[in-house]
Amino acid sequence: MKKQIFGVFLIIALNLSVSAQDIHWLNLEQAEAEMKKHPDKPLFIDFYTSWCGWCKKMDASTFKEAEVVQHINDNYIPVKFDAESREEVKFRGKTYKYVRPQQGGRGVNSFAYFSLRGKLSYPAYAVISHDGRLERLLLGYMPKAQLLENLL
């Protein structure tokens, strides 16, 4: 009986330590509410697509690294945004819609297009100040050291 109880506590402790190793990703609506609570923190937006292999690699590796998790959670309001989302989104009083491609190819949500200044390469990361100014634009897969170097 004692072994079973100990096993349950061990599983709970392991689950808590794993969840502590995750970036607390928000959607745009949640981020806007957080901006009111933490006006000193800029946004860190991870622009991804469902088909992007390098985006998945970032999620499975770099974004799981303890130093990256702590740095992003401590210094930014982290947002994950599907750059090809067909949903209309509102952010900072503006409405952004999905834009269909004129000839073949893939469409893009206009929030991603404007935030990335038209540089639609994934994965992409934008650091945006509280007043909406683009502070940094980072493109491509980055291992831990490279990402942290670009964010410091």
C-alpha atoms as a PDB file:
ATOM      1  CA  MET A   1       0.000   0.000   0.000  1.00  0.00           C
ATOM      2  CA  LYS A   2       2.799   2.411   0.940  1.00  0.00           C
ATOM      3  CA  LYS A   3       4.554   1.639  -2.359  1.00  0.00           C
ATOM      4  CA  GLN A   4       1.382   2.441  -4.296  1.00  0.00           C
ATOM      5  CA  ILE A   5       0.923   5.766  -2.489  1.00  0.00           C
ATOM      6  CA  PHE A   6       4.589   6.617  -3.046  1.00  0.00           C
ATOM      7  CA  GLY A   7       4.163   5.732  -6.738  1.00  0.00           C
ATOM      8  CA  VAL A   8       1.189   8.069  -7.084  1.00  0.00           C
ATOM      9  CA  PHE A   9       3.104  10.928  -5.427  1.00  0.00           C
ATOM     10  CA  LEU A  10       6.102  10.262  -7.674  1.00  0.00           C
ATOM     11  CA  ILE A  11       3.935  10.430 -10.806  1.00  0.00           C
ATOM     12  CA  ILE A  12       2.347  13.687  -9.618  1.00  0.00           C
ATOM     13  CA  ALA A  13       5.770  15.192  -8.853  1.00  0.00           C
ATOM     14  CA  LEU A  14       7.102  14.185 -12.279  1.00  0.00           C
ATOM     15  CA  ASN A  15       4.077  15.693 -14.019  1.00  0.00           C
ATOM     16  CA  LEU A  16       4.530  18.954 -12.125  1.00  0.00           C
ATOM     17  CA  SER A  17       8.214  19.160 -13.040  1.00  0.00           C
ATOM     18  CA  VAL A  18       7.455  18.479 -16.707  1.00  0.00           C
ATOM     19  CA  SER A  19       4.758  21.161 -16.849  1.00  0.00           C
ATOM     20  CA  ALA A  20       7.181  23.606 -15.230  1.00  0.00           C
ATOM     21  CA  GLN A  21       9.406  23.091 -18.290  1.00  0.00           C
ATOM     22  CA  ASP A  22       6.865  24.502 -20.737  1.00  0.00           C
ATOM     23  CA  ILE A  23       6.573  27.945 -22.199  1.00  0.00           C
ATOM     24  CA  HIS A  24       3.228  29.420 -21.183  1.00  0.00           C
ATOM     25  CA  TRP A  25       1.982  30.090 -24.718  1.00  0.00           C
ATOM     26  CA  LEU A  26      -1.039  32.356 -25.090  1.00  0.00           C
ATOM     27  CA  ASN A  27      -3.284  33.320 -27.977  1.00  0.00           C
ATOM     28  CA  LEU A  28      -3.573  36.970 -29.039  1.00  0.00           C
ATOM     29  CA  GLU A  29      -6.668  37.640 -26.954  1.00  0.00           C
ATOM     30  CA  GLN A  30      -5.017  36.269 -23.823  1.00  0.00           C
ATOM     31  CA  ALA A  31      -1.820  38.185 -24.609  1.00  0.00           C
ATOM     32  CA  GLU A  32      -3.693  41.450 -24.860  1.00  0.00           C
ATOM     33  CA  ALA A  33      -5.087  40.891 -21.347  1.00  0.00           C
ATOM     34  CA  GLU A  34      -1.584  40.050 -20.066  1.00  0.00           C
ATOM     35  CA  MET A  35      -0.203  43.239 -21.623  1.00  0.00           C
ATOM     36  CA  LYS A  36      -2.479  45.217 -19.302  1.00  0.00           C
ATOM     37  CA  LYS A  37      -1.121  43.337 -16.283  1.00  0.00           C
ATOM     38  CA  HIS A  38       2.536  43.488 -17.413  1.00  0.00           C
ATOM     39  CA  PRO A  39       3.080  46.621 -19.511  1.00  0.00           C
ATOM     40  CA  ASP A  40       6.851  46.256 -19.174  1.00  0.00           C
ATOM     41  CA  LYS A  41       6.973  42.897 -20.974  1.00  0.00           C
ATOM     42  CA  PRO A  42       7.172  42.746 -24.774  1.00  0.00           C
ATOM     43  CA  LEU A  43       5.468  40.010 -26.766  1.00  0.00           C
ATOM     44  CA  PHE A  44       7.451  37.068 -28.103  1.00  0.00           C
ATOM     45  CA  ILE A  45       5.371  35.681 -30.970  1.00  0.00           C
ATOM     46  CA  ASP A  46       6.144  32.306 -32.509  1.00  0.00           C
ATOM     47  CA  PHE A  47       4.679  32.261 -36.032  1.00  0.00           C
ATOM     48  CA  TYR A  48       4.252  28.695 -37.248  1.00  0.00           C
ATOM     49  CA  THR A  49       2.297  26.654 -39.773  1.00  0.00           C
ATOM     50  CA  SER A  50       0.827  23.166 -39.540  1.00  0.00           C
ATOM     51  CA  TRP A  51       3.091  21.854 -42.320  1.00  0.00           C
ATOM     52  CA  CYS A  52       6.391  23.369 -41.059  1.00  0.00           C
ATOM     53  CA  GLY A  53       8.845  20.667 -39.990  1.00  0.00           C
ATOM     54  CA  TRP A  54      11.322  23.153 -38.498  1.00  0.00           C
ATOM     55  CA  CYS A  55       8.499  24.664 -36.424  1.00  0.00           C
ATOM     56  CA  LYS A  56       7.817  21.225 -34.960  1.00  0.00           C
ATOM     57  CA  LYS A  57      11.528  20.751 -34.280  1.00  0.00           C
ATOM     58  CA  MET A  58      11.619  24.060 -32.358  1.00  0.00           C
ATOM     59  CA  ASP A  59       8.641  22.902 -30.268  1.00  0.00           C
ATOM     60  CA  ALA A  60      10.265  19.527 -29.555  1.00  0.00           C
ATOM     61  CA  SER A  61      13.778  20.785 -28.819  1.00  0.00           C
ATOM     62  CA  THR A  62      14.666  24.461 -28.349  1.00  0.00           C
ATOM     63  CA  PHE A  63      11.356  25.467 -26.755  1.00  0.00           C
ATOM     64  CA  LYS A  64      11.785  22.594 -24.240  1.00  0.00           C
ATOM     65  CA  GLU A  65      15.249  23.689 -23.078  1.00  0.00           C
ATOM     66  CA  ALA A  66      15.067  24.859 -19.442  1.00  0.00           C
ATOM     67  CA  GLU A  67      17.049  28.070 -20.072  1.00  0.00           C
ATOM     68  CA  VAL A  68      14.857  29.014 -23.039  1.00  0.00           C
ATOM     69  CA  VAL A  69      11.650  28.255 -21.147  1.00  0.00           C
ATOM     70  CA  GLN A  70      12.731  30.351 -18.170  1.00  0.00           C
ATOM     71  CA  HIS A  71      14.018  33.252 -20.280  1.00  0.00           C
ATOM     72  CA  ILE A  72      10.874  33.496 -22.407  1.00  0.00           C
ATOM     73  CA  ASN A  73       8.458  33.033 -19.494  1.00  0.00           C
ATOM     74  CA  ASP A  74      10.337  35.576 -17.326  1.00  0.00           C
ATOM     75  CA  ASN A  75      10.944  38.287 -19.930  1.00  0.00           C
ATOM     76  CA  TYR A  76       8.128  38.083 -22.482  1.00  0.00           C
ATOM     77  CA  ILE A  77       4.463  37.479 -22.980  1.00  0.00           C
ATOM     78  CA  PRO A  78       4.735  34.371 -25.191  1.00  0.00           C
ATOM     79  CA  VAL A  79       2.253  33.957 -28.047  1.00  0.00           C
ATOM     80  CA  LYS A  80       1.880  31.116 -30.533  1.00  0.00           C
ATOM     81  CA  PHE A  81       0.194  32.090 -33.778  1.00  0.00           C
ATOM     82  CA  ASP A  82      -0.656  29.951 -36.803  1.00  0.00           C
ATOM     83  CA  ALA A  83       0.425  32.205 -39.668  1.00  0.00           C
ATOM     84  CA  GLU A  84      -2.086  30.533 -41.981  1.00  0.00           C
ATOM     85  CA  SER A  85      -5.006  30.725 -39.569  1.00  0.00           C
ATOM     86  CA  ARG A  86      -8.269  31.337 -41.368  1.00  0.00           C
ATOM     87  CA  GLU A  87      -9.844  32.794 -38.236  1.00  0.00           C
ATOM     88  CA  GLU A  88     -10.329  36.518 -37.983  1.00  0.00           C
ATOM     89  CA  VAL A  89      -8.289  37.888 -35.085  1.00  0.00           C
ATOM     90  CA  LYS A  90      -8.420  41.184 -33.258  1.00  0.00           C
ATOM     91  CA  PHE A  91      -5.393  42.751 -31.701  1.00  0.00           C
ATOM     92  CA  ARG A  92      -4.754  46.276 -30.407  1.00  0.00           C
ATOM     93  CA  GLY A  93      -8.007  47.542 -31.896  1.00  0.00           C
ATOM     94  CA  LYS A  94      -7.417  46.141 -35.389  1.00  0.00           C
ATOM     95  CA  THR A  95      -9.015  43.204 -37.153  1.00  0.00           C
ATOM     96  CA  TYR A  96      -6.846  40.820 -39.158  1.00  0.00           C
ATOM     97  CA  LYS A  97      -8.243  38.380 -41.706  1.00  0.00           C
ATOM     98  CA  TYR A  98      -7.056  35.446 -43.760  1.00  0.00           C
ATOM     99  CA  VAL A  99      -5.892  36.481 -47.221  1.00  0.00           C
ATOM    100  CA  ARG A 100      -6.226  33.950 -50.013  1.00  0.00           C
ATOM    101  CA  PRO A 101      -3.375  33.669 -52.498  1.00  0.00           C
ATOM    102  CA  GLN A 102      -4.023  35.132 -55.934  1.00  0.00           C
ATOM    103  CA  GLN A 103      -2.381  32.279 -57.813  1.00  0.00           C
ATOM    104  CA  GLY A 104      -1.847  28.937 -56.103  1.00  0.00           C
ATOM    105  CA  GLY A 105       0.335  28.760 -53.041  1.00  0.00           C
ATOM    106  CA  ARG A 106      -0.811  29.247 -49.504  1.00  0.00           C
ATOM    107  CA  GLY A 107      -2.784  32.038 -47.925  1.00  0.00           C
ATOM    108  CA  VAL A 108      -1.739  33.954 -44.840  1.00  0.00           C
ATOM    109  CA  ASN A 109      -3.411  35.657 -41.942  1.00  0.00           C
ATOM    110  CA  SER A 110      -2.800  39.381 -42.336  1.00  0.00           C
ATOM    111  CA  PHE A 111      -1.619  39.605 -38.693  1.00  0.00           C
ATOM    112  CA  ALA A 112       1.335  37.376 -39.606  1.00  0.00           C
ATOM    113  CA  TYR A 113       1.971  39.244 -42.843  1.00  0.00           C
ATOM    114  CA  PHE A 114       2.134  42.668 -41.190  1.00  0.00           C
ATOM    115  CA  SER A 115       3.967  41.487 -38.054  1.00  0.00           C
ATOM    116  CA  LEU A 116       6.642  39.740 -40.139  1.00  0.00           C
ATOM    117  CA  ARG A 117       6.882  42.644 -42.599  1.00  0.00           C
ATOM    118  CA  GLY A 118       6.016  40.299 -45.443  1.00  0.00           C
ATOM    119  CA  LYS A 119       8.897  37.890 -44.666  1.00  0.00           C
ATOM    120  CA  LEU A 120       6.818  34.728 -44.701  1.00  0.00           C
ATOM    121  CA  SER A 121       9.421  32.144 -43.792  1.00  0.00           C
ATOM    122  CA  TYR A 122       8.723  29.707 -40.971  1.00  0.00           C
ATOM    123  CA  PRO A 123       9.416  29.367 -38.191  1.00  0.00           C
ATOM    124  CA  ALA A 124       9.557  33.090 -37.503  1.00  0.00           C
ATOM    125  CA  TYR A 125       9.632  35.004 -34.236  1.00  0.00           C
ATOM    126  CA  ALA A 126       8.728  38.611 -33.581  1.00  0.00           C
ATOM    127  CA  VAL A 127       9.469  40.578 -30.444  1.00  0.00           C
ATOM    128  CA  ILE A 128       6.911  43.361 -30.282  1.00  0.00           C
ATOM    129  CA  SER A 129       6.963  46.142 -27.703  1.00  0.00           C
ATOM    130  CA  HIS A 130       3.941  47.109 -25.639  1.00  0.00           C
ATOM    131  CA  ASP A 131       3.294  50.029 -28.007  1.00  0.00           C
ATOM    132  CA  GLY A 132       3.247  47.713 -31.044  1.00  0.00           C
ATOM    133  CA  ARG A 133       6.747  48.431 -32.362  1.00  0.00           C
ATOM    134  CA  LEU A 134       8.697  45.532 -33.897  1.00  0.00           C
ATOM    135  CA  GLU A 135      11.851  45.225 -31.791  1.00  0.00           C
ATOM    136  CA  ARG A 136      13.241  42.039 -33.341  1.00  0.00           C
ATOM    137  CA  LEU A 137      12.435  39.723 -36.190  1.00  0.00           C
ATOM    138  CA  LEU A 138      14.092  36.301 -36.162  1.00  0.00           C
ATOM    139  CA  LEU A 139      13.725  33.741 -38.922  1.00  0.00           C
ATOM    140  CA  GLY A 140      14.335  30.016 -39.026  1.00  0.00           C
ATOM    141  CA  TYR A 141      15.130  27.167 -36.705  1.00  0.00           C
ATOM    142  CA  MET A 142      17.510  28.084 -33.889  1.00  0.00           C
ATOM    143  CA  PRO A 143      19.165  25.878 -31.295  1.00  0.00           C
ATOM    144  CA  LYS A 144      19.159  27.092 -27.685  1.00  0.00           C
ATOM    145  CA  ALA A 145      22.400  29.106 -27.778  1.00  0.00           C
ATOM    146  CA  GLN A 146      21.492  30.930 -30.985  1.00  0.00           C
ATOM    147  CA  LEU A 147      17.986  31.818 -29.845  1.00  0.00           C
ATOM    148  CA  LEU A 148      19.167  33.089 -26.462  1.00  0.00           C
ATOM    149  CA  GLU A 149      21.954  35.094 -28.093  1.00  0.00           C
ATOM    150  CA  ASN A 150      19.395  36.772 -30.358  1.00  0.00           C
ATOM    151  CA  LEU A 151      17.079  37.548 -27.447  1.00  0.00           C
ATOM    152  CA  LEU A 152      19.663  38.973 -25.045  1.00  0.00           C
END
